Amino acid sequence: MSKHYLIWAIGLMAVWALVAPGRAHAYLDPGSGSYLFQILIAALVGGLFAVKIFWGRIKLFFLGLFGKKGKEASGGDGDAGPVQPE
């Protein structure tokens, strides 16, 4: 057996002993589920608020990303003006 293989095997056994303990005597009280639900709702509302705040920048980013190709292909500025009712 090479020395490198022996060190690798001992390291793998040490990691396995730390990662896979025998039994976990843990208790989740009823408040844990509501706390996790509260974190999920807060993250969702926070994300929506961030989108609201940065909506102008997000819109300009995607218009710049996709809008240039349409303008170059049409040959104009892409604005035909208001549509007149008949």
N, C-alpha and C. Protein backbone atom coordinates (compact mmCIF):
# COMPACT_ATOMS: atom_id res chain seq x y z
N MET A 1 0.83 -1.17 0.00
CA MET A 1 0.00 0.00 0.00
C MET A 1 0.88 1.25 0.00
N SER A 2 0.51 2.19 -0.81
CA SER A 2 1.31 3.41 -0.85
C SER A 2 0.87 4.35 0.28
N LYS A 3 1.75 5.26 0.62
CA LYS A 3 1.49 6.20 1.70
C LYS A 3 0.34 7.15 1.32
N HIS A 4 0.28 7.52 0.04
CA HIS A 4 -0.77 8.41 -0.44
C HIS A 4 -2.15 7.76 -0.28
N TYR A 5 -2.25 6.48 -0.61
CA TYR A 5 -3.52 5.76 -0.49
C TYR A 5 -3.95 5.66 0.96
N LEU A 6 -3.01 5.43 1.88
CA LEU A 6 -3.31 5.30 3.30
C LEU A 6 -3.83 6.64 3.86
N ILE A 7 -3.20 7.74 3.49
CA ILE A 7 -3.65 9.06 3.96
C ILE A 7 -5.04 9.36 3.40
N TRP A 8 -5.26 9.01 2.15
CA TRP A 8 -6.57 9.24 1.52
C TRP A 8 -7.66 8.44 2.23
N ALA A 9 -7.39 7.19 2.57
CA ALA A 9 -8.36 6.32 3.23
C ALA A 9 -8.68 6.83 4.64
N ILE A 10 -7.66 7.25 5.38
CA ILE A 10 -7.89 7.77 6.74
C ILE A 10 -8.71 9.06 6.68
N GLY A 11 -8.40 9.93 5.74
CA GLY A 11 -9.16 11.17 5.58
C GLY A 11 -10.61 10.90 5.22
N LEU A 12 -10.84 9.95 4.34
CA LEU A 12 -12.21 9.60 3.95
C LEU A 12 -13.00 9.04 5.12
N MET A 13 -12.35 8.21 5.95
CA MET A 13 -13.03 7.66 7.12
C MET A 13 -13.34 8.76 8.14
N ALA A 14 -12.44 9.73 8.30
CA ALA A 14 -12.68 10.82 9.23
C ALA A 14 -13.85 11.68 8.77
N VAL A 15 -13.90 11.98 7.48
CA VAL A 15 -15.01 12.76 6.94
C VAL A 15 -16.32 12.00 7.11
N TRP A 16 -16.30 10.71 6.84
CA TRP A 16 -17.50 9.89 6.98
C TRP A 16 -17.99 9.87 8.42
N ALA A 17 -17.08 9.81 9.38
CA ALA A 17 -17.46 9.79 10.79
C ALA A 17 -18.10 11.11 11.21
N LEU A 18 -17.67 12.22 10.62
CA LEU A 18 -18.23 13.51 10.97
C LEU A 18 -19.56 13.78 10.26
N VAL A 19 -19.69 13.29 9.03
CA VAL A 19 -20.87 13.60 8.22
C VAL A 19 -22.05 12.69 8.56
N ALA A 20 -21.79 11.45 8.87
CA ALA A 20 -22.86 10.47 9.09
C ALA A 20 -22.87 9.98 10.53
N PRO A 21 -23.40 10.80 11.47
CA PRO A 21 -23.48 10.32 12.85
C PRO A 21 -24.53 9.23 12.99
N GLY A 22 -24.46 8.48 14.06
CA GLY A 22 -25.38 7.37 14.28
C GLY A 22 -26.82 7.82 14.40
N ARG A 23 -27.17 8.41 15.52
CA ARG A 23 -28.54 8.86 15.76
C ARG A 23 -28.51 10.34 16.13
N ALA A 24 -29.52 11.04 15.67
CA ALA A 24 -29.68 12.44 16.05
C ALA A 24 -30.94 12.55 16.90
N HIS A 25 -30.77 12.89 18.14
CA HIS A 25 -31.90 13.06 19.04
C HIS A 25 -32.32 14.53 18.97
N ALA A 26 -33.13 14.83 17.99
CA ALA A 26 -33.54 16.22 17.77
C ALA A 26 -35.04 16.35 17.96
N TYR A 27 -35.46 17.57 18.24
CA TYR A 27 -36.87 17.84 18.45
C TYR A 27 -37.24 19.10 17.69
N LEU A 28 -38.27 19.00 16.90
CA LEU A 28 -38.81 20.16 16.20
C LEU A 28 -40.15 20.50 16.82
N ASP A 29 -40.22 21.65 17.46
CA ASP A 29 -41.48 22.03 18.08
C ASP A 29 -42.44 22.59 17.03
N PRO A 30 -43.71 22.74 17.35
CA PRO A 30 -44.69 23.22 16.37
C PRO A 30 -44.39 24.61 15.82
N GLY A 31 -43.66 25.43 16.57
CA GLY A 31 -43.33 26.77 16.10
C GLY A 31 -42.29 26.78 14.99
N SER A 32 -41.55 25.69 14.83
CA SER A 32 -40.51 25.64 13.79
C SER A 32 -41.10 25.74 12.39
N GLY A 33 -42.21 25.05 12.17
CA GLY A 33 -42.84 25.10 10.85
C GLY A 33 -43.35 26.49 10.51
N SER A 34 -43.95 27.16 11.48
CA SER A 34 -44.45 28.51 11.22
C SER A 34 -43.30 29.49 11.03
N TYR A 35 -42.18 29.26 11.73
CA TYR A 35 -41.01 30.11 11.54
C TYR A 35 -40.43 29.95 10.14
N LEU A 36 -40.33 28.72 9.66
CA LEU A 36 -39.84 28.48 8.30
C LEU A 36 -40.80 29.08 7.26
N PHE A 37 -42.10 28.99 7.52
CA PHE A 37 -43.09 29.60 6.63
C PHE A 37 -42.93 31.12 6.61
N GLN A 38 -42.67 31.72 7.76
CA GLN A 38 -42.47 33.16 7.86
C GLN A 38 -41.22 33.58 7.09
N ILE A 39 -40.15 32.81 7.16
CA ILE A 39 -38.93 33.11 6.42
C ILE A 39 -39.20 33.04 4.92
N LEU A 40 -39.95 32.04 4.48
CA LEU A 40 -40.28 31.89 3.06
C LEU A 40 -41.10 33.07 2.56
N ILE A 41 -42.11 33.47 3.31
CA ILE A 41 -42.95 34.61 2.92
C ILE A 41 -42.13 35.90 2.91
N ALA A 42 -41.26 36.10 3.90
CA ALA A 42 -40.42 37.31 3.95
C ALA A 42 -39.48 37.36 2.76
N ALA A 43 -38.91 36.23 2.36
CA ALA A 43 -38.02 36.21 1.20
C ALA A 43 -38.79 36.53 -0.07
N LEU A 44 -39.99 36.01 -0.21
CA LEU A 44 -40.82 36.27 -1.38
C LEU A 44 -41.20 37.75 -1.46
N VAL A 45 -41.66 38.32 -0.34
CA VAL A 45 -42.05 39.73 -0.33
C VAL A 45 -40.83 40.63 -0.56
N GLY A 46 -39.70 40.28 0.03
CA GLY A 46 -38.48 41.05 -0.18
C GLY A 46 -38.03 41.01 -1.64
N GLY A 47 -38.13 39.84 -2.27
CA GLY A 47 -37.77 39.74 -3.68
C GLY A 47 -38.69 40.56 -4.57
N LEU A 48 -39.99 40.51 -4.28
CA LEU A 48 -40.93 41.31 -5.06
C LEU A 48 -40.71 42.81 -4.87
N PHE A 49 -40.35 43.21 -3.65
CA PHE A 49 -40.07 44.62 -3.39
C PHE A 49 -38.82 45.07 -4.14
N ALA A 50 -37.80 44.20 -4.20
CA ALA A 50 -36.58 44.53 -4.94
C ALA A 50 -36.87 44.67 -6.42
N VAL A 51 -37.73 43.81 -6.96
CA VAL A 51 -38.12 43.93 -8.37
C VAL A 51 -38.86 45.23 -8.60
N LYS A 52 -39.72 45.61 -7.66
CA LYS A 52 -40.47 46.87 -7.79
C LYS A 52 -39.52 48.06 -7.80
N ILE A 53 -38.55 48.06 -6.91
CA ILE A 53 -37.61 49.17 -6.81
C ILE A 53 -36.74 49.27 -8.07
N PHE A 54 -36.25 48.14 -8.57
CA PHE A 54 -35.32 48.13 -9.70
C PHE A 54 -36.00 47.82 -11.02
N TRP A 55 -37.32 47.95 -11.12
CA TRP A 55 -38.04 47.59 -12.35
C TRP A 55 -37.55 48.40 -13.55
N GLY A 56 -37.28 49.67 -13.37
CA GLY A 56 -36.80 50.49 -14.49
C GLY A 56 -35.48 49.99 -15.03
N ARG A 57 -34.56 49.65 -14.15
CA ARG A 57 -33.26 49.12 -14.59
C ARG A 57 -33.40 47.76 -15.26
N ILE A 58 -34.27 46.91 -14.70
CA ILE A 58 -34.49 45.59 -15.29
C ILE A 58 -35.07 45.74 -16.69
N LYS A 59 -36.03 46.63 -16.84
CA LYS A 59 -36.68 46.87 -18.13
C LYS A 59 -35.67 47.41 -19.15
N LEU A 60 -34.85 48.38 -18.74
CA LEU A 60 -33.84 48.93 -19.65
C LEU A 60 -32.81 47.87 -20.04
N PHE A 61 -32.46 46.99 -19.11
CA PHE A 61 -31.50 45.93 -19.41
C PHE A 61 -32.03 45.02 -20.51
N PHE A 62 -33.28 44.57 -20.38
CA PHE A 62 -33.83 43.67 -21.37
C PHE A 62 -34.14 44.37 -22.68
N LEU A 63 -34.53 45.65 -22.62
CA LEU A 63 -34.72 46.39 -23.86
C LEU A 63 -33.40 46.57 -24.60
N GLY A 64 -32.35 46.84 -23.87
CA GLY A 64 -31.03 46.95 -24.49
C GLY A 64 -30.53 45.62 -25.02
N LEU A 65 -30.90 44.56 -24.35
CA LEU A 65 -30.44 43.23 -24.75
C LEU A 65 -31.17 42.75 -26.00
N PHE A 66 -32.47 42.96 -26.06
CA PHE A 66 -33.27 42.45 -27.18
C PHE A 66 -33.71 43.54 -28.14
N GLY A 67 -33.74 44.79 -27.75
CA GLY A 67 -34.29 45.85 -28.57
C GLY A 67 -33.39 46.29 -29.71
N LYS A 68 -32.09 46.19 -29.58
CA LYS A 68 -31.16 46.67 -30.61
C LYS A 68 -31.27 45.85 -31.89
N LYS A 69 -31.46 44.57 -31.75
CA LYS A 69 -31.54 43.71 -32.95
C LYS A 69 -32.74 44.07 -33.80
N GLY A 70 -33.87 44.37 -33.18
CA GLY A 70 -35.08 44.72 -33.92
C GLY A 70 -34.93 46.04 -34.64
N LYS A 71 -34.28 47.01 -34.03
CA LYS A 71 -34.10 48.32 -34.64
C LYS A 71 -33.16 48.24 -35.84
N GLU A 72 -32.09 47.47 -35.73
CA GLU A 72 -31.13 47.36 -36.82
C GLU A 72 -31.73 46.61 -38.00
N ALA A 73 -32.55 45.62 -37.75
CA ALA A 73 -33.12 44.82 -38.83
C ALA A 73 -34.17 45.61 -39.60
N SER A 74 -34.92 46.49 -38.92
CA SER A 74 -35.97 47.23 -39.60
C SER A 74 -35.42 48.43 -40.35
N GLY A 75 -34.26 48.93 -39.95
CA GLY A 75 -33.66 50.06 -40.63
C GLY A 75 -34.11 51.38 -40.06
N GLY A 76 -35.09 51.41 -39.20
CA GLY A 76 -35.59 52.65 -38.59
C GLY A 76 -35.30 52.65 -37.11
N ASP A 77 -35.96 53.58 -36.44
CA ASP A 77 -35.78 53.64 -35.00
C ASP A 77 -36.77 52.75 -34.26
N GLY A 78 -37.63 52.08 -34.97
CA GLY A 78 -38.57 51.14 -34.36
C GLY A 78 -39.83 51.78 -33.84
N ASP A 79 -39.98 53.12 -33.99
CA ASP A 79 -41.15 53.82 -33.51
C ASP A 79 -41.94 54.33 -34.70
N ALA A 80 -43.06 53.73 -35.00
CA ALA A 80 -43.88 54.12 -36.15
C ALA A 80 -44.83 55.24 -35.79
N GLY A 81 -44.89 55.64 -34.53
CA GLY A 81 -45.80 56.69 -34.11
C GLY A 81 -47.13 56.11 -33.66
N PRO A 82 -48.02 56.98 -33.24
CA PRO A 82 -49.31 56.51 -32.74
C PRO A 82 -50.17 55.97 -33.87
N VAL A 83 -51.00 55.00 -33.56
CA VAL A 83 -51.91 54.41 -34.53
C VAL A 83 -53.16 55.28 -34.61
N GLN A 84 -53.52 55.67 -35.82
CA GLN A 84 -54.68 56.53 -36.04
C GLN A 84 -55.93 55.67 -36.22
N PRO A 85 -57.02 55.96 -35.50
CA PRO A 85 -58.26 55.20 -35.69
C PRO A 85 -58.87 55.50 -37.05
N GLU A 86 -59.54 54.53 -37.61
CA GLU A 86 -60.16 54.71 -38.93
C GLU A 86 -61.60 55.06 -38.82
